[in-house]
Structures are given as C-alpha cells and as structure tokens.
Protein backbone atom coordinates (compact mmCIF):
# COMPACT_ATOMS: atom_id res chain seq x y z
CA MET A 1 40.29 75.95 103.44
CA LEU A 2 38.56 79.27 102.27
CA VAL A 3 36.24 80.15 105.20
CA ASN A 4 33.82 83.62 104.38
CA ASP A 5 36.90 84.62 100.72
CA THR A 6 39.52 84.79 103.75
CA TRP A 7 42.21 81.59 103.46
CA VAL A 8 42.34 79.99 106.83
CA PRO A 9 44.35 76.89 108.19
CA THR A 10 42.44 73.52 107.75
CA PHE A 11 43.22 72.37 111.69
CA PRO A 12 44.38 75.04 113.69
CA LYS A 13 46.06 73.44 116.03
CA ALA A 14 48.21 71.61 114.66
CA ARG A 15 51.58 72.61 113.89
CA TYR A 16 53.25 72.42 110.83
CA LEU A 17 56.89 70.98 110.76
CA ILE A 18 58.40 72.62 107.22
CA VAL A 19 62.05 72.09 106.53
CA ARG A 20 63.73 75.42 106.84
CA THR A 21 66.27 75.01 103.58
CA GLU A 22 62.75 74.07 101.61
CA PHE A 23 61.12 77.43 103.32
CA ASP A 24 63.63 79.55 102.74
CA TYR A 25 63.95 78.52 98.99
CA VAL A 26 61.59 79.22 97.80
CA ASN A 27 60.09 82.15 100.34
CA ASP A 28 63.06 84.14 99.41
CA GLU A 29 63.05 83.09 95.65
CA GLN A 30 66.07 81.13 95.49
CA GLU A 31 65.61 79.04 92.92
CA THR A 32 67.81 79.22 90.28
CA GLU A 33 67.73 80.14 86.72
CA ASP A 34 68.51 76.35 85.58
CA VAL A 35 64.92 75.52 87.81
CA GLU A 36 61.70 75.20 84.65
CA PRO A 37 59.96 78.42 85.07
CA TRP A 38 56.83 76.15 85.32
CA LEU A 39 58.07 74.75 88.97
CA LYS A 40 59.37 78.51 89.76
CA ASP A 41 55.60 79.23 89.55
CA LEU A 42 54.62 76.18 91.05
CA ASN A 43 56.32 76.53 93.82
CA LEU A 44 55.76 80.60 94.34
CA ASN A 45 51.90 79.23 94.48
CA VAL A 46 52.11 76.84 96.87
CA LEU A 47 53.45 79.33 99.31
CA SER A 48 51.54 82.17 98.29
CA ASP A 49 47.87 79.72 98.87
CA SER A 50 48.28 77.00 101.42
CA ILE A 51 52.26 78.78 102.94
CA LYS A 52 51.78 81.66 103.39
CA HIS A 53 48.72 81.95 105.89
CA VAL A 54 49.10 79.36 107.65
CA LEU A 55 52.64 80.96 108.49
CA GLY A 56 50.65 84.46 109.29
CA ALA A 57 48.44 81.99 112.08
CA GLY A 58 51.84 81.19 113.69
CA LEU A 59 51.21 77.65 113.07
CA ILE A 60 55.05 76.97 111.40
CA ASP A 61 57.56 75.72 112.95
CA LEU A 62 60.73 75.55 110.82
CA VAL A 63 62.91 72.46 111.15
CA SER A 64 66.79 70.62 110.03
CA ASN A 65 65.61 68.16 107.88
CA ASP A 66 67.50 65.56 110.30
CA HIS A 67 64.76 66.80 113.15
CA HIS A 68 63.32 64.32 115.94
CA VAL A 69 59.70 65.03 115.50
CA CYS A 70 59.60 62.27 118.64
CA ASP A 71 61.73 59.72 120.21
CA GLU A 72 59.83 57.40 117.42
CA ILE A 73 59.90 59.73 114.61
CA LYS A 74 63.03 60.74 112.58
CA LEU A 75 62.93 62.55 110.00
CA ILE A 76 65.40 61.83 107.27
CA GLN A 77 66.53 64.04 103.41
CA THR A 78 65.28 62.37 100.83
CA PRO A 79 66.11 64.37 97.93
CA GLY A 80 66.07 64.80 94.23
CA TYR A 81 62.49 66.34 94.50
CA THR A 82 63.09 69.11 95.55
CA ILE A 83 65.76 70.90 97.17
CA GLY A 84 64.82 69.93 101.05
CA HIS A 85 62.33 67.34 100.41
CA ILE A 86 62.68 65.24 103.46
CA GLY A 87 60.64 62.02 104.61
CA LYS A 88 60.09 60.13 108.07
CA ASN A 89 61.95 57.38 109.61
CA PHE A 90 60.15 55.52 112.17
CA ILE A 91 62.87 54.47 115.37
CA GLN A 92 61.98 51.35 116.75
CA PRO A 93 61.96 51.60 120.52
CA SER A 94 65.51 49.57 121.75
C-alpha cells in the first residue's frame, strides 16, 4: 500500500510464498521472445510495483512448486497460466 509516497507491504507480519521458478523467470527477465510484449511488460510491472517492495522488506519465502505450507496444505503445479503457476491442495488428515 502507498504510505507517504512510499510503497510498503500491506501485511508486514505476513510471509509471502512465491514459487522460485516463477520469481526467477520474471526477476531475471528470462521470458522468451515468444512471450507477447504486453505480458512481459505486465510481469515486469507487477514485479516492480508489488513484489520488490515486499522482497525488500524481507517478507518473501521462495519455495518449490510442491512446497508443504503445513501438514494440511501443499502447493501443487497448475501449469498453463504462468511458468510457475501453482494452486493449493488441502490434505485430509489420516
């Protein structure tokens, strides 16, 4: 959120999970030439507008695309939308 002309994390006590492959893809500008220019620009804008400020605050955890958030929640790959797109899978206790 914008506070005194400076972007700061909306939830400063939260941890933000980002899949490492997706973060690296956008952060390192590894997007291939076949990515449409509008999408590449959008990704870079989101990175600079929203993610870099949270990263600078030390609130981001870069995780694998099969990361276990806790015993009941695991990230799962949901390819197609973006290179590292994930969803969450709720695990029933046994």
